[in-house]
Amino acid sequence: MDKLVQLRQMTKVVADTADVEAVKRLKPMDCTTNPTIVLQALKTPIFHEDFEEALE
């Protein structure tokens, strides 16, 4: 059994990251709304088109 599975049995797993792919892969129960991390995520290619559209 991997450590993440063991951890999920004892507590809730949350994410404090701008790595959207890690969030998709690890499926945390919750994610941060820290503005610095949100801005960091918006700078990634996955959000480029949406961010540019919002600026227009």
N, C-alpha and C. Protein backbone atom coordinates (compact mmCIF):
# COMPACT_ATOMS: atom_id res chain seq x y z
N MET A 1 0.86 -1.18 0.00
CA MET A 1 0.00 0.00 0.00
C MET A 1 0.90 1.24 0.00
N ASP A 2 0.62 2.18 -0.91
CA ASP A 2 1.49 3.35 -0.95
C ASP A 2 1.15 4.32 0.18
N LYS A 3 2.05 5.24 0.43
CA LYS A 3 1.91 6.16 1.58
C LYS A 3 0.70 7.08 1.46
N LEU A 4 0.36 7.51 0.25
CA LEU A 4 -0.80 8.37 0.08
C LEU A 4 -2.08 7.63 0.45
N VAL A 5 -2.19 6.38 0.07
CA VAL A 5 -3.36 5.57 0.43
C VAL A 5 -3.44 5.43 1.95
N GLN A 6 -2.31 5.17 2.58
CA GLN A 6 -2.28 5.06 4.04
C GLN A 6 -2.68 6.38 4.70
N LEU A 7 -2.17 7.47 4.16
CA LEU A 7 -2.50 8.78 4.71
C LEU A 7 -3.98 9.08 4.59
N ARG A 8 -4.58 8.74 3.45
CA ARG A 8 -6.01 8.96 3.24
C ARG A 8 -6.87 8.19 4.26
N GLN A 9 -6.36 7.09 4.76
CA GLN A 9 -7.10 6.30 5.75
C GLN A 9 -7.11 6.98 7.12
N MET A 10 -6.16 7.88 7.36
CA MET A 10 -6.04 8.51 8.67
C MET A 10 -6.51 9.96 8.70
N THR A 11 -6.52 10.63 7.53
CA THR A 11 -6.81 12.05 7.50
C THR A 11 -7.33 12.47 6.14
N LYS A 12 -7.65 13.74 6.00
CA LYS A 12 -8.08 14.28 4.71
C LYS A 12 -6.87 14.85 3.99
N VAL A 13 -6.75 14.52 2.71
CA VAL A 13 -5.65 15.03 1.90
C VAL A 13 -6.12 16.29 1.18
N VAL A 14 -5.34 17.36 1.32
CA VAL A 14 -5.64 18.63 0.64
C VAL A 14 -4.42 19.03 -0.19
N ALA A 15 -4.62 19.98 -1.12
CA ALA A 15 -3.52 20.42 -1.97
C ALA A 15 -3.26 21.91 -1.78
N ASP A 16 -2.01 22.26 -1.72
CA ASP A 16 -1.57 23.65 -1.64
C ASP A 16 -0.54 23.82 -2.75
N THR A 17 -1.01 23.83 -3.99
CA THR A 17 -0.12 23.83 -5.14
C THR A 17 -0.75 24.51 -6.34
N ALA A 18 0.09 24.95 -7.26
CA ALA A 18 -0.38 25.49 -8.53
C ALA A 18 -0.28 24.43 -9.62
N ASP A 19 0.15 23.23 -9.25
CA ASP A 19 0.32 22.14 -10.20
C ASP A 19 -1.02 21.46 -10.46
N VAL A 20 -1.73 21.92 -11.49
CA VAL A 20 -3.07 21.43 -11.79
C VAL A 20 -3.04 19.94 -12.12
N GLU A 21 -2.00 19.51 -12.80
CA GLU A 21 -1.90 18.09 -13.16
C GLU A 21 -1.75 17.21 -11.91
N ALA A 22 -1.04 17.69 -10.91
CA ALA A 22 -0.89 16.94 -9.65
C ALA A 22 -2.24 16.84 -8.94
N VAL A 23 -3.02 17.91 -8.98
CA VAL A 23 -4.35 17.89 -8.36
C VAL A 23 -5.24 16.86 -9.06
N LYS A 24 -5.20 16.85 -10.39
CA LYS A 24 -5.99 15.87 -11.14
C LYS A 24 -5.57 14.45 -10.79
N ARG A 25 -4.26 14.23 -10.70
CA ARG A 25 -3.73 12.89 -10.46
C ARG A 25 -3.97 12.41 -9.03
N LEU A 26 -3.79 13.28 -8.06
CA LEU A 26 -3.85 12.88 -6.65
C LEU A 26 -5.23 13.03 -6.02
N LYS A 27 -6.12 13.78 -6.67
CA LYS A 27 -7.50 13.94 -6.23
C LYS A 27 -7.64 14.28 -4.74
N PRO A 28 -7.11 15.44 -4.32
CA PRO A 28 -7.27 15.84 -2.93
C PRO A 28 -8.72 16.18 -2.61
N MET A 29 -9.06 16.18 -1.33
CA MET A 29 -10.42 16.51 -0.89
C MET A 29 -10.71 18.00 -1.07
N ASP A 30 -9.66 18.83 -1.02
CA ASP A 30 -9.83 20.27 -1.11
C ASP A 30 -8.52 20.87 -1.64
N CYS A 31 -8.62 22.10 -2.14
CA CYS A 31 -7.44 22.83 -2.63
C CYS A 31 -7.46 24.23 -2.05
N THR A 32 -6.31 24.84 -2.01
CA THR A 32 -6.19 26.19 -1.48
C THR A 32 -6.77 27.23 -2.43
N THR A 33 -7.12 28.35 -1.91
CA THR A 33 -7.53 29.48 -2.74
C THR A 33 -6.55 30.64 -2.53
N ASN A 34 -5.36 30.33 -2.09
CA ASN A 34 -4.32 31.32 -1.88
C ASN A 34 -4.11 32.09 -3.18
N PRO A 35 -4.27 33.42 -3.18
CA PRO A 35 -4.14 34.21 -4.42
C PRO A 35 -2.80 34.03 -5.13
N THR A 36 -1.72 33.88 -4.39
CA THR A 36 -0.41 33.68 -5.00
C THR A 36 -0.37 32.38 -5.79
N ILE A 37 -0.95 31.34 -5.24
CA ILE A 37 -0.96 30.04 -5.92
C ILE A 37 -1.91 30.06 -7.11
N VAL A 38 -3.02 30.74 -6.99
CA VAL A 38 -3.95 30.86 -8.11
C VAL A 38 -3.27 31.60 -9.25
N LEU A 39 -2.57 32.69 -8.96
CA LEU A 39 -1.85 33.44 -9.99
C LEU A 39 -0.78 32.57 -10.64
N GLN A 40 -0.08 31.80 -9.85
CA GLN A 40 0.94 30.90 -10.37
C GLN A 40 0.31 29.88 -11.33
N ALA A 41 -0.84 29.34 -10.97
CA ALA A 41 -1.53 28.37 -11.83
C ALA A 41 -1.98 29.02 -13.13
N LEU A 42 -2.43 30.27 -13.06
CA LEU A 42 -2.88 30.97 -14.26
C LEU A 42 -1.76 31.20 -15.27
N LYS A 43 -0.53 31.16 -14.82
CA LYS A 43 0.62 31.35 -15.70
C LYS A 43 1.01 30.07 -16.44
N THR A 44 0.38 28.95 -16.12
CA THR A 44 0.71 27.69 -16.78
C THR A 44 -0.02 27.61 -18.12
N PRO A 45 0.52 26.84 -19.07
CA PRO A 45 -0.10 26.73 -20.40
C PRO A 45 -1.55 26.24 -20.39
N ILE A 46 -1.91 25.44 -19.42
CA ILE A 46 -3.27 24.88 -19.37
C ILE A 46 -4.33 25.98 -19.28
N PHE A 47 -4.00 27.13 -18.69
CA PHE A 47 -4.96 28.22 -18.52
C PHE A 47 -4.71 29.40 -19.45
N HIS A 48 -3.71 29.31 -20.32
CA HIS A 48 -3.30 30.45 -21.14
C HIS A 48 -4.47 31.06 -21.93
N GLU A 49 -5.19 30.25 -22.69
CA GLU A 49 -6.29 30.77 -23.51
C GLU A 49 -7.39 31.39 -22.65
N ASP A 50 -7.77 30.71 -21.58
CA ASP A 50 -8.83 31.23 -20.71
C ASP A 50 -8.41 32.56 -20.08
N PHE A 51 -7.15 32.64 -19.65
CA PHE A 51 -6.65 33.85 -19.01
C PHE A 51 -6.63 35.01 -20.02
N GLU A 52 -6.15 34.76 -21.23
CA GLU A 52 -6.13 35.81 -22.25
C GLU A 52 -7.55 36.28 -22.60
N GLU A 53 -8.48 35.33 -22.68
CA GLU A 53 -9.87 35.67 -22.98
C GLU A 53 -10.47 36.54 -21.87
N ALA A 54 -10.15 36.21 -20.63
CA ALA A 54 -10.67 37.00 -19.51
C ALA A 54 -10.11 38.41 -19.51
N LEU A 55 -8.86 38.55 -19.92
CA LEU A 55 -8.25 39.87 -19.96
C LEU A 55 -8.89 40.76 -21.04
N GLU A 56 -9.31 40.13 -22.15
CA GLU A 56 -9.96 40.89 -23.23
C GLU A 56 -11.29 41.42 -22.75
